Amino acid sequence: MILLKEISQKDIGISNGDVDIAYRLRKAARAMVVNKDNRIAILNVTKDKYHKLPGGGFEGDEDVEEALRREVMEEVGAEIEIQDEVGCTIEYRDEFKLLQISYCYIARIVGELVPVSFTELEISDGFQLQWYSIEEAIEIMESDQPQSYVGKFIHARDIIFLKEAQKIFKSSH
């Protein structure tokens, strides 16, 4: 899988000089989830006014595919078929001493949707599942201006993923 970008605090407008940090590692899986109408699932994080791709961190001894399937089922309510690799990003979230590696894919929905099962945190953040064309989703994400530290990292990361996924999706359809 190709590395699309390393994202640090300077990339989101925060500078704290040169600091040696011992990071805790978190691995996550994300996807541009496509339905039968070629619309993609986007999560609107209403509390912080930004949108994100479905996905999240590995749990226990999950591998990337298991984590992706579980996260998409929880956040989109869909079984998926993974179609393409998009790439990965590395985020250096100094404030939390967290190094996050996110693996991104293009996946197509298989079967019927079931109700989503957001976590308590996702509910309190006001998560709403929405469907857009790829172009609409990019436009919406580009206009987002998250205010939270985490939201700024997610915003930077998911725009990179979505633009790269768009290139791959367009070339294969």
N, C-alpha and C. Protein backbone atom coordinates (compact mmCIF):
# COMPACT_ATOMS: atom_id res chain seq x y z
N MET A 1 0.84 -1.17 0.00
CA MET A 1 0.00 0.00 0.00
C MET A 1 0.89 1.24 0.00
N ILE A 2 0.54 2.23 -0.82
CA ILE A 2 1.37 3.42 -0.92
C ILE A 2 1.06 4.42 0.20
N LEU A 3 2.10 5.12 0.62
CA LEU A 3 1.94 6.18 1.61
C LEU A 3 1.54 7.45 0.88
N LEU A 4 0.37 7.99 1.19
CA LEU A 4 -0.11 9.19 0.54
C LEU A 4 0.41 10.46 1.20
N LYS A 5 0.52 10.45 2.54
CA LYS A 5 1.00 11.65 3.22
C LYS A 5 1.26 11.36 4.69
N GLU A 6 2.27 12.02 5.22
CA GLU A 6 2.49 12.08 6.66
C GLU A 6 1.95 13.43 7.10
N ILE A 7 1.04 13.43 8.07
CA ILE A 7 0.38 14.65 8.52
C ILE A 7 0.85 14.96 9.94
N SER A 8 1.41 16.15 10.11
CA SER A 8 1.85 16.57 11.44
C SER A 8 1.10 17.84 11.82
N GLN A 9 1.37 18.33 13.01
CA GLN A 9 0.68 19.52 13.50
C GLN A 9 0.89 20.71 12.57
N LYS A 10 2.07 20.84 11.97
CA LYS A 10 2.31 21.98 11.08
C LYS A 10 1.37 21.95 9.88
N ASP A 11 0.94 20.74 9.47
CA ASP A 11 0.02 20.62 8.34
C ASP A 11 -1.39 21.10 8.68
N ILE A 12 -1.71 21.19 9.96
CA ILE A 12 -3.03 21.67 10.37
C ILE A 12 -2.94 23.04 11.05
N GLY A 13 -1.79 23.69 10.86
CA GLY A 13 -1.64 25.05 11.35
C GLY A 13 -1.19 25.21 12.78
N ILE A 14 -0.56 24.18 13.35
CA ILE A 14 -0.09 24.25 14.74
C ILE A 14 1.41 23.99 14.75
N SER A 15 2.15 24.87 15.43
CA SER A 15 3.59 24.68 15.55
C SER A 15 3.97 24.62 17.02
N ASN A 16 4.76 23.64 17.37
CA ASN A 16 5.23 23.57 18.76
C ASN A 16 6.73 23.30 18.83
N GLY A 17 7.45 23.64 17.77
CA GLY A 17 8.90 23.46 17.78
C GLY A 17 9.30 22.00 17.65
N ASP A 18 10.57 21.78 17.83
CA ASP A 18 11.09 20.41 17.75
C ASP A 18 11.01 19.77 19.13
N VAL A 19 10.17 18.77 19.24
CA VAL A 19 9.96 18.08 20.50
C VAL A 19 10.10 16.59 20.26
N ASP A 20 10.87 15.92 21.11
CA ASP A 20 10.96 14.46 21.03
C ASP A 20 9.77 13.88 21.76
N ILE A 21 8.99 13.07 21.05
CA ILE A 21 7.79 12.48 21.63
C ILE A 21 7.83 10.97 21.42
N ALA A 22 7.51 10.23 22.47
CA ALA A 22 7.34 8.79 22.36
C ALA A 22 5.86 8.56 22.06
N TYR A 23 5.57 8.14 20.84
CA TYR A 23 4.19 7.99 20.39
C TYR A 23 3.63 6.60 20.70
N ARG A 24 2.34 6.58 21.00
CA ARG A 24 1.56 5.34 21.10
C ARG A 24 1.01 5.09 19.70
N LEU A 25 1.06 3.85 19.21
CA LEU A 25 0.61 3.50 17.86
C LEU A 25 -0.86 3.12 17.85
N ARG A 26 -1.60 3.67 16.89
CA ARG A 26 -2.98 3.27 16.64
C ARG A 26 -3.11 3.02 15.14
N LYS A 27 -3.65 1.85 14.80
CA LYS A 27 -3.90 1.53 13.39
C LYS A 27 -5.40 1.60 13.15
N ALA A 28 -5.76 2.10 11.96
CA ALA A 28 -7.17 2.27 11.62
C ALA A 28 -7.40 1.92 10.17
N ALA A 29 -8.66 1.56 9.86
CA ALA A 29 -9.07 1.23 8.50
C ALA A 29 -10.23 2.13 8.11
N ARG A 30 -10.22 2.62 6.88
CA ARG A 30 -11.25 3.53 6.38
C ARG A 30 -11.61 3.15 4.96
N ALA A 31 -12.77 3.63 4.51
CA ALA A 31 -13.16 3.31 3.14
C ALA A 31 -14.05 4.38 2.54
N MET A 32 -13.90 4.51 1.24
CA MET A 32 -14.90 5.20 0.44
C MET A 32 -15.91 4.09 0.09
N VAL A 33 -17.05 4.13 0.76
CA VAL A 33 -18.07 3.09 0.61
C VAL A 33 -19.06 3.55 -0.45
N VAL A 34 -19.21 2.74 -1.51
CA VAL A 34 -20.01 3.10 -2.67
C VAL A 34 -21.29 2.25 -2.70
N ASN A 35 -22.44 2.91 -2.93
CA ASN A 35 -23.70 2.17 -3.05
C ASN A 35 -24.00 1.87 -4.51
N LYS A 36 -25.16 1.24 -4.77
CA LYS A 36 -25.51 0.84 -6.15
C LYS A 36 -25.70 2.02 -7.08
N ASP A 37 -25.95 3.22 -6.53
CA ASP A 37 -26.12 4.43 -7.33
C ASP A 37 -24.82 5.22 -7.46
N ASN A 38 -23.69 4.60 -7.08
CA ASN A 38 -22.37 5.23 -7.09
C ASN A 38 -22.30 6.48 -6.22
N ARG A 39 -23.10 6.50 -5.16
CA ARG A 39 -23.01 7.56 -4.15
C ARG A 39 -22.20 6.99 -2.99
N ILE A 40 -21.50 7.87 -2.30
CA ILE A 40 -20.61 7.39 -1.24
C ILE A 40 -21.11 7.83 0.14
N ALA A 41 -20.79 7.01 1.12
CA ALA A 41 -21.18 7.26 2.51
C ALA A 41 -20.20 8.25 3.13
N ILE A 42 -20.76 9.30 3.72
CA ILE A 42 -19.98 10.29 4.44
C ILE A 42 -20.64 10.48 5.80
N LEU A 43 -19.82 10.59 6.83
CA LEU A 43 -20.36 10.84 8.17
C LEU A 43 -20.21 12.33 8.49
N ASN A 44 -21.34 12.97 8.77
CA ASN A 44 -21.35 14.37 9.16
C ASN A 44 -21.18 14.42 10.67
N VAL A 45 -20.07 15.00 11.12
CA VAL A 45 -19.80 15.16 12.55
C VAL A 45 -20.35 16.55 12.92
N THR A 46 -21.64 16.59 13.24
CA THR A 46 -22.33 17.88 13.38
C THR A 46 -21.79 18.72 14.53
N LYS A 47 -21.33 18.10 15.60
CA LYS A 47 -20.83 18.86 16.75
C LYS A 47 -19.63 19.72 16.39
N ASP A 48 -18.77 19.21 15.49
CA ASP A 48 -17.55 19.94 15.13
C ASP A 48 -17.57 20.44 13.68
N LYS A 49 -18.68 20.27 13.00
CA LYS A 49 -18.87 20.84 11.66
C LYS A 49 -17.85 20.36 10.61
N TYR A 50 -17.69 19.05 10.53
CA TYR A 50 -16.89 18.49 9.44
C TYR A 50 -17.47 17.14 9.06
N HIS A 51 -16.98 16.60 7.96
CA HIS A 51 -17.42 15.30 7.44
C HIS A 51 -16.23 14.37 7.38
N LYS A 52 -16.48 13.07 7.49
CA LYS A 52 -15.40 12.09 7.46
C LYS A 52 -15.84 10.83 6.74
N LEU A 53 -14.86 10.06 6.33
CA LEU A 53 -15.13 8.74 5.75
C LEU A 53 -15.41 7.74 6.87
N PRO A 54 -16.20 6.72 6.59
CA PRO A 54 -16.42 5.67 7.59
C PRO A 54 -15.12 4.93 7.89
N GLY A 55 -14.96 4.55 9.14
CA GLY A 55 -13.79 3.78 9.54
C GLY A 55 -13.38 4.08 10.95
N GLY A 56 -12.41 3.34 11.43
CA GLY A 56 -11.93 3.54 12.78
C GLY A 56 -10.83 2.56 13.13
N GLY A 57 -10.45 2.58 14.39
CA GLY A 57 -9.31 1.81 14.87
C GLY A 57 -9.55 0.32 14.97
N PHE A 58 -8.44 -0.41 14.89
CA PHE A 58 -8.45 -1.86 15.08
C PHE A 58 -8.82 -2.15 16.53
N GLU A 59 -9.52 -3.24 16.73
CA GLU A 59 -9.84 -3.71 18.09
C GLU A 59 -9.23 -5.09 18.28
N GLY A 60 -8.63 -5.29 19.46
CA GLY A 60 -8.04 -6.59 19.76
C GLY A 60 -7.01 -6.99 18.73
N ASP A 61 -7.13 -8.23 18.23
CA ASP A 61 -6.16 -8.72 17.25
C ASP A 61 -6.70 -8.67 15.82
N GLU A 62 -7.64 -7.76 15.55
CA GLU A 62 -8.18 -7.63 14.19
C GLU A 62 -7.08 -7.28 13.20
N ASP A 63 -7.25 -7.77 11.98
CA ASP A 63 -6.40 -7.29 10.89
C ASP A 63 -7.15 -6.15 10.20
N VAL A 64 -6.54 -5.56 9.20
CA VAL A 64 -7.11 -4.37 8.56
C VAL A 64 -8.48 -4.65 7.94
N GLU A 65 -8.63 -5.80 7.28
CA GLU A 65 -9.91 -6.12 6.64
C GLU A 65 -11.01 -6.35 7.67
N GLU A 66 -10.69 -7.05 8.75
CA GLU A 66 -11.69 -7.28 9.81
C GLU A 66 -12.13 -5.96 10.43
N ALA A 67 -11.18 -5.09 10.72
CA ALA A 67 -11.51 -3.78 11.31
C ALA A 67 -12.36 -2.97 10.35
N LEU A 68 -12.02 -2.98 9.07
CA LEU A 68 -12.78 -2.22 8.08
C LEU A 68 -14.22 -2.73 7.99
N ARG A 69 -14.38 -4.03 7.89
CA ARG A 69 -15.74 -4.61 7.78
C ARG A 69 -16.58 -4.28 9.02
N ARG A 70 -15.98 -4.38 10.21
CA ARG A 70 -16.71 -4.07 11.44
C ARG A 70 -17.09 -2.60 11.49
N GLU A 71 -16.15 -1.71 11.19
CA GLU A 71 -16.41 -0.28 11.25
C GLU A 71 -17.49 0.14 10.24
N VAL A 72 -17.43 -0.40 9.03
CA VAL A 72 -18.44 -0.05 8.02
C VAL A 72 -19.81 -0.59 8.44
N MET A 73 -19.87 -1.76 9.02
CA MET A 73 -21.15 -2.29 9.50
C MET A 73 -21.71 -1.36 10.58
N GLU A 74 -20.86 -0.93 11.51
CA GLU A 74 -21.32 -0.06 12.60
C GLU A 74 -21.76 1.31 12.10
N GLU A 75 -20.96 1.92 11.21
CA GLU A 75 -21.19 3.32 10.84
C GLU A 75 -22.05 3.52 9.59
N VAL A 76 -22.12 2.49 8.74
CA VAL A 76 -22.92 2.59 7.52
C VAL A 76 -24.08 1.59 7.52
N GLY A 77 -23.92 0.49 8.27
CA GLY A 77 -24.95 -0.54 8.29
C GLY A 77 -24.89 -1.41 7.04
N ALA A 78 -23.66 -1.70 6.59
CA ALA A 78 -23.51 -2.43 5.33
C ALA A 78 -22.39 -3.46 5.38
N GLU A 79 -22.66 -4.59 4.74
CA GLU A 79 -21.59 -5.53 4.40
C GLU A 79 -20.93 -4.97 3.15
N ILE A 80 -19.64 -5.20 3.01
CA ILE A 80 -18.92 -4.63 1.88
C ILE A 80 -18.06 -5.66 1.16
N GLU A 81 -17.75 -5.32 -0.08
CA GLU A 81 -16.75 -6.03 -0.87
C GLU A 81 -15.65 -5.02 -1.15
N ILE A 82 -14.44 -5.32 -0.69
CA ILE A 82 -13.32 -4.41 -0.92
C ILE A 82 -12.89 -4.51 -2.37
N GLN A 83 -12.81 -3.37 -3.05
CA GLN A 83 -12.48 -3.37 -4.47
C GLN A 83 -11.07 -2.90 -4.79
N ASP A 84 -10.60 -1.88 -4.07
CA ASP A 84 -9.28 -1.32 -4.37
C ASP A 84 -8.63 -0.78 -3.11
N GLU A 85 -7.29 -0.79 -3.11
CA GLU A 85 -6.52 -0.08 -2.10
C GLU A 85 -6.39 1.37 -2.55
N VAL A 86 -6.52 2.30 -1.63
CA VAL A 86 -6.31 3.71 -1.95
C VAL A 86 -4.91 4.13 -1.51
N GLY A 87 -4.54 3.80 -0.28
CA GLY A 87 -3.24 4.17 0.26
C GLY A 87 -3.35 4.33 1.76
N CYS A 88 -2.28 4.83 2.36
CA CYS A 88 -2.29 5.03 3.80
C CYS A 88 -1.72 6.40 4.16
N THR A 89 -2.07 6.84 5.35
CA THR A 89 -1.49 8.07 5.89
C THR A 89 -0.93 7.76 7.27
N ILE A 90 -0.01 8.61 7.69
CA ILE A 90 0.53 8.55 9.04
C ILE A 90 0.28 9.91 9.67
N GLU A 91 -0.34 9.91 10.84
CA GLU A 91 -0.63 11.16 11.54
C GLU A 91 0.17 11.20 12.84
N TYR A 92 0.83 12.31 13.08
CA TYR A 92 1.56 12.54 14.32
C TYR A 92 0.74 13.51 15.16
N ARG A 93 -0.08 12.97 16.04
CA ARG A 93 -0.94 13.80 16.89
C ARG A 93 -0.22 14.04 18.22
N ASP A 94 0.65 15.04 18.20
CA ASP A 94 1.53 15.32 19.34
C ASP A 94 0.74 15.53 20.64
N GLU A 95 -0.38 16.24 20.56
CA GLU A 95 -1.15 16.55 21.77
C GLU A 95 -1.53 15.29 22.55
N PHE A 96 -1.74 14.18 21.82
CA PHE A 96 -2.12 12.92 22.46
C PHE A 96 -0.98 11.89 22.46
N LYS A 97 0.20 12.31 21.98
CA LYS A 97 1.33 11.40 21.83
C LYS A 97 0.92 10.16 21.05
N LEU A 98 0.19 10.40 19.98
CA LEU A 98 -0.40 9.32 19.18
C LEU A 98 0.13 9.36 17.75
N LEU A 99 0.60 8.22 17.29
CA LEU A 99 0.96 8.05 15.89
C LEU A 99 -0.11 7.13 15.30
N GLN A 100 -0.89 7.67 14.36
CA GLN A 100 -1.96 6.88 13.77
C GLN A 100 -1.66 6.57 12.31
N ILE A 101 -1.75 5.29 11.99
CA ILE A 101 -1.62 4.85 10.60
C ILE A 101 -3.02 4.46 10.15
N SER A 102 -3.49 5.10 9.06
CA SER A 102 -4.81 4.79 8.51
C SER A 102 -4.65 4.17 7.12
N TYR A 103 -5.31 3.03 6.94
CA TYR A 103 -5.30 2.31 5.66
C TYR A 103 -6.65 2.56 5.01
N CYS A 104 -6.64 3.01 3.75
CA CYS A 104 -7.90 3.37 3.10
C CYS A 104 -8.14 2.51 1.86
N TYR A 105 -9.42 2.19 1.65
CA TYR A 105 -9.86 1.33 0.56
C TYR A 105 -11.08 1.92 -0.13
N ILE A 106 -11.38 1.36 -1.29
CA ILE A 106 -12.66 1.59 -1.94
C ILE A 106 -13.43 0.30 -1.77
N ALA A 107 -14.67 0.41 -1.28
CA ALA A 107 -15.49 -0.78 -1.04
C ALA A 107 -16.89 -0.54 -1.56
N ARG A 108 -17.51 -1.60 -2.05
CA ARG A 108 -18.87 -1.51 -2.56
C ARG A 108 -19.79 -2.27 -1.62
N ILE A 109 -20.98 -1.72 -1.40
CA ILE A 109 -21.98 -2.35 -0.54
C ILE A 109 -22.49 -3.62 -1.19
N VAL A 110 -22.62 -4.66 -0.38
CA VAL A 110 -23.18 -5.93 -0.81
C VAL A 110 -24.45 -6.16 0.03
N GLY A 111 -25.58 -6.37 -0.62
CA GLY A 111 -26.82 -6.62 0.10
C GLY A 111 -27.51 -5.34 0.55
N GLU A 112 -28.40 -5.50 1.51
CA GLU A 112 -29.22 -4.39 1.98
C GLU A 112 -28.60 -3.72 3.21
N LEU A 113 -28.90 -2.44 3.37
CA LEU A 113 -28.44 -1.70 4.54
C LEU A 113 -29.25 -2.10 5.77
N VAL A 114 -28.60 -2.08 6.92
CA VAL A 114 -29.26 -2.28 8.21
C VAL A 114 -29.02 -1.01 9.02
N PRO A 115 -29.74 -0.82 10.12
CA PRO A 115 -29.52 0.39 10.93
C PRO A 115 -28.07 0.49 11.43
N VAL A 116 -27.55 1.71 11.48
CA VAL A 116 -26.20 1.94 11.98
C VAL A 116 -26.19 1.73 13.50
N SER A 117 -25.01 1.52 14.05
CA SER A 117 -24.87 1.38 15.50
C SER A 117 -23.69 2.22 15.97
N PHE A 118 -23.91 3.53 16.03
CA PHE A 118 -22.87 4.45 16.46
C PHE A 118 -22.54 4.23 17.94
N THR A 119 -21.29 4.50 18.30
CA THR A 119 -20.86 4.44 19.70
C THR A 119 -21.46 5.65 20.44
N GLU A 120 -21.38 5.62 21.76
CA GLU A 120 -21.86 6.76 22.56
C GLU A 120 -21.13 8.04 22.18
N LEU A 121 -19.82 7.94 21.95
CA LEU A 121 -19.04 9.12 21.55
C LEU A 121 -19.50 9.64 20.19
N GLU A 122 -19.73 8.73 19.24
CA GLU A 122 -20.20 9.15 17.91
C GLU A 122 -21.57 9.81 18.00
N ILE A 123 -22.43 9.29 18.86
CA ILE A 123 -23.75 9.88 19.06
C ILE A 123 -23.60 11.27 19.67
N SER A 124 -22.75 11.41 20.68
CA SER A 124 -22.56 12.72 21.32
C SER A 124 -21.88 13.71 20.37
N ASP A 125 -21.10 13.22 19.41
CA ASP A 125 -20.50 14.09 18.40
C ASP A 125 -21.48 14.43 17.27
N GLY A 126 -22.68 13.85 17.33
CA GLY A 126 -23.72 14.16 16.36
C GLY A 126 -23.53 13.52 15.00
N PHE A 127 -22.94 12.32 14.96
CA PHE A 127 -22.73 11.64 13.68
C PHE A 127 -24.05 11.46 12.93
N GLN A 128 -24.02 11.78 11.64
CA GLN A 128 -25.15 11.53 10.74
C GLN A 128 -24.62 10.93 9.46
N LEU A 129 -25.18 9.81 9.04
CA LEU A 129 -24.79 9.16 7.79
C LEU A 129 -25.47 9.89 6.64
N GLN A 130 -24.67 10.27 5.63
CA GLN A 130 -25.19 10.96 4.46
C GLN A 130 -24.58 10.35 3.21
N TRP A 131 -25.26 10.51 2.08
CA TRP A 131 -24.82 9.94 0.80
C TRP A 131 -24.67 11.04 -0.24
N TYR A 132 -23.52 11.06 -0.92
CA TYR A 132 -23.23 12.08 -1.92
C TYR A 132 -22.49 11.46 -3.10
N SER A 133 -22.50 12.19 -4.22
CA SER A 133 -21.58 11.82 -5.30
C SER A 133 -20.17 12.12 -4.80
N ILE A 134 -19.18 11.54 -5.41
CA ILE A 134 -17.80 11.78 -5.00
C ILE A 134 -17.48 13.27 -5.10
N GLU A 135 -17.91 13.89 -6.19
CA GLU A 135 -17.63 15.31 -6.39
C GLU A 135 -18.27 16.17 -5.30
N GLU A 136 -19.52 15.86 -4.96
CA GLU A 136 -20.21 16.60 -3.90
C GLU A 136 -19.49 16.42 -2.56
N ALA A 137 -19.08 15.18 -2.28
CA ALA A 137 -18.41 14.89 -1.01
C ALA A 137 -17.10 15.67 -0.90
N ILE A 138 -16.33 15.72 -1.97
CA ILE A 138 -15.07 16.47 -1.96
C ILE A 138 -15.35 17.96 -1.73
N GLU A 139 -16.34 18.48 -2.44
CA GLU A 139 -16.70 19.90 -2.29
C GLU A 139 -17.12 20.22 -0.85
N ILE A 140 -17.94 19.35 -0.28
CA ILE A 140 -18.39 19.54 1.10
C ILE A 140 -17.21 19.49 2.07
N MET A 141 -16.37 18.47 1.91
CA MET A 141 -15.22 18.33 2.81
C MET A 141 -14.27 19.51 2.69
N GLU A 142 -14.05 19.97 1.47
CA GLU A 142 -13.14 21.10 1.28
C GLU A 142 -13.66 22.38 1.94
N SER A 143 -14.97 22.50 2.06
CA SER A 143 -15.54 23.70 2.69
C SER A 143 -15.64 23.59 4.21
N ASP A 144 -15.45 22.37 4.75
CA ASP A 144 -15.49 22.18 6.21
C ASP A 144 -14.35 22.95 6.88
N GLN A 145 -14.62 23.41 8.11
CA GLN A 145 -13.60 24.09 8.90
C GLN A 145 -13.68 23.61 10.35
N PRO A 146 -13.24 22.38 10.59
CA PRO A 146 -13.32 21.86 11.96
C PRO A 146 -12.51 22.72 12.92
N GLN A 147 -13.00 22.82 14.14
CA GLN A 147 -12.31 23.62 15.15
C GLN A 147 -11.50 22.77 16.12
N SER A 148 -11.84 21.49 16.25
CA SER A 148 -11.14 20.64 17.21
C SER A 148 -9.82 20.13 16.64
N TYR A 149 -8.92 19.82 17.53
CA TYR A 149 -7.61 19.27 17.18
C TYR A 149 -7.78 17.99 16.34
N VAL A 150 -8.56 17.05 16.84
CA VAL A 150 -8.78 15.78 16.14
C VAL A 150 -9.47 16.04 14.80
N GLY A 151 -10.47 16.89 14.79
CA GLY A 151 -11.20 17.20 13.56
C GLY A 151 -10.30 17.75 12.46
N LYS A 152 -9.32 18.54 12.84
CA LYS A 152 -8.39 19.10 11.85
C LYS A 152 -7.55 17.99 11.20
N PHE A 153 -7.12 17.02 12.01
CA PHE A 153 -6.36 15.89 11.45
C PHE A 153 -7.26 15.05 10.54
N ILE A 154 -8.46 14.73 11.00
CA ILE A 154 -9.39 13.92 10.20
C ILE A 154 -9.70 14.62 8.88
N HIS A 155 -9.94 15.91 8.94
CA HIS A 155 -10.24 16.71 7.75
C HIS A 155 -9.10 16.61 6.74
N ALA A 156 -7.87 16.85 7.19
CA ALA A 156 -6.70 16.78 6.30
C ALA A 156 -6.55 15.39 5.70
N ARG A 157 -6.68 14.38 6.52
CA ARG A 157 -6.50 12.99 6.08
C ARG A 157 -7.56 12.56 5.08
N ASP A 158 -8.83 12.81 5.40
CA ASP A 158 -9.91 12.28 4.57
C ASP A 158 -10.05 12.99 3.23
N ILE A 159 -9.65 14.24 3.13
CA ILE A 159 -9.63 14.90 1.82
C ILE A 159 -8.58 14.24 0.93
N ILE A 160 -7.42 13.93 1.50
CA ILE A 160 -6.37 13.23 0.74
C ILE A 160 -6.90 11.88 0.26
N PHE A 161 -7.51 11.11 1.17
CA PHE A 161 -8.05 9.81 0.80
C PHE A 161 -9.10 9.93 -0.29
N LEU A 162 -10.02 10.85 -0.12
CA LEU A 162 -11.14 10.94 -1.06
C LEU A 162 -10.68 11.37 -2.45
N LYS A 163 -9.75 12.29 -2.53
CA LYS A 163 -9.25 12.72 -3.85
C LYS A 163 -8.49 11.58 -4.54
N GLU A 164 -7.71 10.83 -3.79
CA GLU A 164 -6.99 9.69 -4.38
C GLU A 164 -7.98 8.60 -4.78
N ALA A 165 -8.97 8.33 -3.93
CA ALA A 165 -9.99 7.32 -4.25
C ALA A 165 -10.76 7.72 -5.50
N GLN A 166 -11.03 9.00 -5.66
CA GLN A 166 -11.75 9.47 -6.85
C GLN A 166 -10.97 9.12 -8.12
N LYS A 167 -9.66 9.34 -8.12
CA LYS A 167 -8.83 9.00 -9.29
C LYS A 167 -8.92 7.51 -9.61
N ILE A 168 -8.78 6.69 -8.58
CA ILE A 168 -8.82 5.23 -8.77
C ILE A 168 -10.20 4.80 -9.26
N PHE A 169 -11.26 5.32 -8.64
CA PHE A 169 -12.63 4.95 -8.99
C PHE A 169 -12.95 5.36 -10.43
N LYS A 170 -12.57 6.57 -10.81
CA LYS A 170 -12.85 7.06 -12.17
C LYS A 170 -12.12 6.22 -13.22
N SER A 171 -10.89 5.80 -12.91
CA SER A 171 -10.12 5.03 -13.90
C SER A 171 -10.64 3.60 -14.06
N SER A 172 -11.41 3.12 -13.07
CA SER A 172 -11.90 1.74 -13.16
C SER A 172 -13.39 1.68 -13.52
N HIS A 173 -14.05 2.83 -13.71
CA HIS A 173 -15.47 2.83 -14.07
C HIS A 173 -15.75 3.67 -15.29
